[in-house]
Amino acid sequence: MAAAEEKVTPLHPHQARELLALNQERDQLDQALYRQSLRLEEHDDPSHPVVALATRRIEELSARREALTTRIAELQKTEAPPAPKPEHIEAALDALPDLRPLAAQAGPDELRELLDAFDVTVTYKQEPRALRLDAMLSPNFLRYAAKEPTAVGDIFHSGGRIWSH
């Protein structure tokens, strides 16, 4: 009889990173607990100060490990959020302000901050002489969108034309 397959739901990337970090921390705690247990084995006298310190440290490490194990179990039970529907993406994009006037007036530092907020990646291919811009909204965008431009400066680029649609 075949074993019942357990349904594995994909995690959101943030959850996957957290899960990896928690598992690594749990492994480190396991090593620390092992080292503390070796210290206990070195001393036969239960009233020795090292035994008292090692016992207290084991209790602290065990409590932290239990909290990590609980959080790991929670993450493993969590399902990834559903993929956004095209109409939700379109509504979110429509809600974004037109930043072209702001970008045209921004100084180099402000422009750099704006591009960082959108996590802009620029790819240039010599053949067929194509420039591709990819942008992703990041939490930095919300901080930048609330700012008003404070100064107007020069924008430097390597030449060519800047096209806007």
Protein backbone atom coordinates (compact mmCIF):
# COMPACT_ATOMS: atom_id res chain seq x y z
CA MET A 1 0.00 0.00 0.00
CA ALA A 2 1.47 3.36 -1.03
CA ALA A 3 2.04 5.94 1.68
CA ALA A 4 -0.28 8.93 1.51
CA GLU A 5 1.48 11.85 -0.05
CA GLU A 6 1.60 14.96 2.10
CA LYS A 7 0.51 18.11 0.32
CA VAL A 8 3.39 20.57 0.17
CA THR A 9 2.39 24.16 -0.31
CA PRO A 10 4.99 26.59 -1.62
CA LEU A 11 6.06 29.30 0.79
CA HIS A 12 6.23 33.00 0.05
CA PRO A 13 9.89 33.96 -0.55
CA HIS A 14 9.97 35.95 2.71
CA GLN A 15 8.65 32.92 4.60
CA ALA A 16 11.17 30.64 2.92
CA ARG A 17 14.05 32.96 3.92
CA GLU A 18 12.74 33.16 7.49
CA LEU A 19 12.38 29.38 7.64
CA LEU A 20 15.96 28.91 6.43
CA ALA A 21 17.29 31.40 9.00
CA LEU A 22 15.29 29.78 11.81
CA ASN A 23 16.55 26.30 10.90
CA GLN A 24 20.14 27.58 10.85
CA GLU A 25 19.67 29.24 14.24
CA ARG A 26 18.14 26.03 15.63
CA ASP A 27 21.19 24.08 14.41
CA GLN A 28 23.45 26.57 16.19
CA LEU A 29 21.39 26.21 19.37
CA ASP A 30 21.69 22.44 19.15
CA GLN A 31 25.50 22.79 18.99
CA ALA A 32 25.50 25.18 21.94
CA LEU A 33 23.31 22.81 23.97
CA TYR A 34 25.70 19.96 23.17
CA ARG A 35 28.70 22.03 24.33
CA GLN A 36 26.93 22.93 27.57
CA SER A 37 26.10 19.28 28.23
CA LEU A 38 29.80 18.43 27.82
CA ARG A 39 30.63 21.03 30.48
CA LEU A 40 28.18 19.34 32.84
CA GLU A 41 29.83 15.97 32.24
CA GLU A 42 33.25 17.41 33.13
CA HIS A 43 32.21 18.03 36.74
CA ASP A 44 31.01 15.39 39.19
CA ASP A 45 30.23 17.92 41.91
CA PRO A 46 26.65 19.24 41.39
CA SER A 47 27.45 22.29 43.54
CA HIS A 48 30.37 23.35 41.33
CA PRO A 49 29.84 26.89 39.92
CA VAL A 50 30.39 25.69 36.34
CA VAL A 51 27.56 23.18 36.76
CA ALA A 52 25.20 25.92 37.96
CA LEU A 53 26.14 28.23 35.08
CA ALA A 54 25.92 25.47 32.48
CA THR A 55 22.52 24.39 33.82
CA ARG A 56 21.19 27.94 33.63
CA ARG A 57 22.58 28.35 30.11
CA ILE A 58 20.98 25.06 29.01
CA GLU A 59 17.63 26.29 30.30
CA GLU A 60 17.99 29.57 28.34
CA LEU A 61 19.06 27.79 25.15
CA SER A 62 16.28 25.22 25.49
CA ALA A 63 13.64 27.95 25.85
CA ARG A 64 14.96 29.71 22.74
CA ARG A 65 15.03 26.42 20.82
CA GLU A 66 11.43 25.68 21.82
CA ALA A 67 10.34 29.12 20.55
CA LEU A 68 12.18 28.53 17.26
CA THR A 69 10.60 25.10 16.85
CA THR A 70 7.15 26.61 17.41
CA ARG A 71 7.75 29.34 14.82
CA ILE A 72 9.15 26.82 12.31
CA ALA A 73 6.02 24.67 12.73
CA GLU A 74 3.83 27.76 12.17
CA LEU A 75 5.70 28.64 8.99
CA GLN A 76 5.47 25.12 7.66
CA LYS A 77 1.70 25.16 8.14
CA THR A 78 1.33 28.54 6.42
CA GLU A 79 0.26 28.53 2.81
CA ALA A 80 1.68 30.97 0.33
CA PRO A 81 -0.66 33.82 -0.47
CA PRO A 82 -2.63 33.31 -3.68
CA ALA A 83 -1.13 34.74 -6.85
CA PRO A 84 -2.47 38.21 -7.61
CA LYS A 85 -5.11 38.42 -10.29
CA PRO A 86 -4.46 40.61 -13.35
CA GLU A 87 -7.21 43.05 -12.35
CA HIS A 88 -5.61 43.51 -8.91
CA ILE A 89 -2.23 44.18 -10.49
CA GLU A 90 -3.79 46.67 -12.91
CA ALA A 91 -5.60 48.45 -10.06
CA ALA A 92 -2.37 48.68 -8.06
CA LEU A 93 -0.48 50.10 -11.03
CA ASP A 94 -3.27 52.60 -11.74
CA ALA A 95 -3.01 53.80 -8.14
CA LEU A 96 0.68 54.71 -8.58
CA PRO A 97 1.35 58.37 -9.21
CA ASP A 98 3.01 59.51 -12.44
CA LEU A 99 6.56 60.14 -11.28
CA ARG A 100 7.92 61.40 -14.60
CA PRO A 101 7.61 65.11 -13.64
CA LEU A 102 9.29 64.39 -10.31
CA ALA A 103 12.08 62.40 -12.00
CA ALA A 104 12.65 65.22 -14.50
CA GLN A 105 13.18 67.72 -11.65
CA ALA A 106 15.03 65.44 -9.23
CA GLY A 107 18.66 65.93 -8.39
CA PRO A 108 21.11 63.06 -8.77
CA ASP A 109 20.69 61.92 -5.14
CA GLU A 110 16.90 62.08 -5.34
CA LEU A 111 16.88 60.27 -8.68
CA ARG A 112 19.12 57.54 -7.24
CA GLU A 113 16.75 57.22 -4.26
CA LEU A 114 13.74 57.02 -6.60
CA LEU A 115 15.39 54.33 -8.73
CA ASP A 116 16.35 52.41 -5.58
CA ALA A 117 12.74 52.61 -4.37
CA PHE A 118 11.63 50.89 -7.57
CA ASP A 119 14.55 48.46 -7.52
CA VAL A 120 15.32 49.37 -11.13
CA THR A 121 17.46 47.03 -13.21
CA VAL A 122 18.81 48.29 -16.52
CA THR A 123 19.98 45.84 -19.18
CA TYR A 124 21.57 47.02 -22.41
CA LYS A 125 22.17 44.74 -25.39
CA GLN A 126 24.46 46.07 -28.08
CA GLU A 127 22.69 44.00 -30.67
CA PRO A 128 19.89 44.94 -31.44
CA ARG A 129 20.78 48.15 -29.50
CA ALA A 130 18.05 47.60 -26.95
CA LEU A 131 17.73 48.97 -23.45
CA ARG A 132 15.45 47.15 -21.04
CA LEU A 133 14.27 48.62 -17.75
CA ASP A 134 12.73 46.41 -15.10
CA ALA A 135 11.29 47.87 -11.91
CA MET A 136 9.82 46.32 -8.81
CA LEU A 137 8.07 48.17 -6.03
CA SER A 138 9.88 47.90 -2.74
CA PRO A 139 9.06 49.18 0.75
CA ASN A 140 11.41 52.10 0.01
CA PHE A 141 8.88 53.36 -2.52
CA LEU A 142 6.36 54.25 0.16
CA ARG A 143 8.93 56.40 1.97
CA TYR A 144 10.00 58.10 -1.24
CA ALA A 145 6.48 58.67 -2.59
CA ALA A 146 5.63 60.70 0.51
CA LYS A 147 8.57 63.08 -0.07
CA GLU A 148 8.43 66.32 -1.96
CA PRO A 149 11.47 67.20 -4.07
CA THR A 150 13.71 69.56 -2.13
CA ALA A 151 16.19 70.62 -4.79
CA VAL A 152 16.67 70.61 -8.51
CA GLY A 153 20.00 69.38 -9.80
CA ASP A 154 21.68 68.10 -12.93
CA ILE A 155 21.02 64.59 -14.19
CA PHE A 156 24.05 62.94 -15.70
CA HIS A 157 23.89 60.04 -18.11
CA SER A 158 26.21 58.42 -20.61
CA GLY A 159 24.62 59.98 -23.65
CA GLY A 160 21.90 58.96 -26.01
CA ARG A 161 18.25 59.83 -25.76
CA ILE A 162 15.82 59.33 -22.93
CA TRP A 163 12.46 58.26 -24.27
CA SER A 164 9.21 58.56 -22.39
CA HIS A 165 5.93 57.04 -23.47
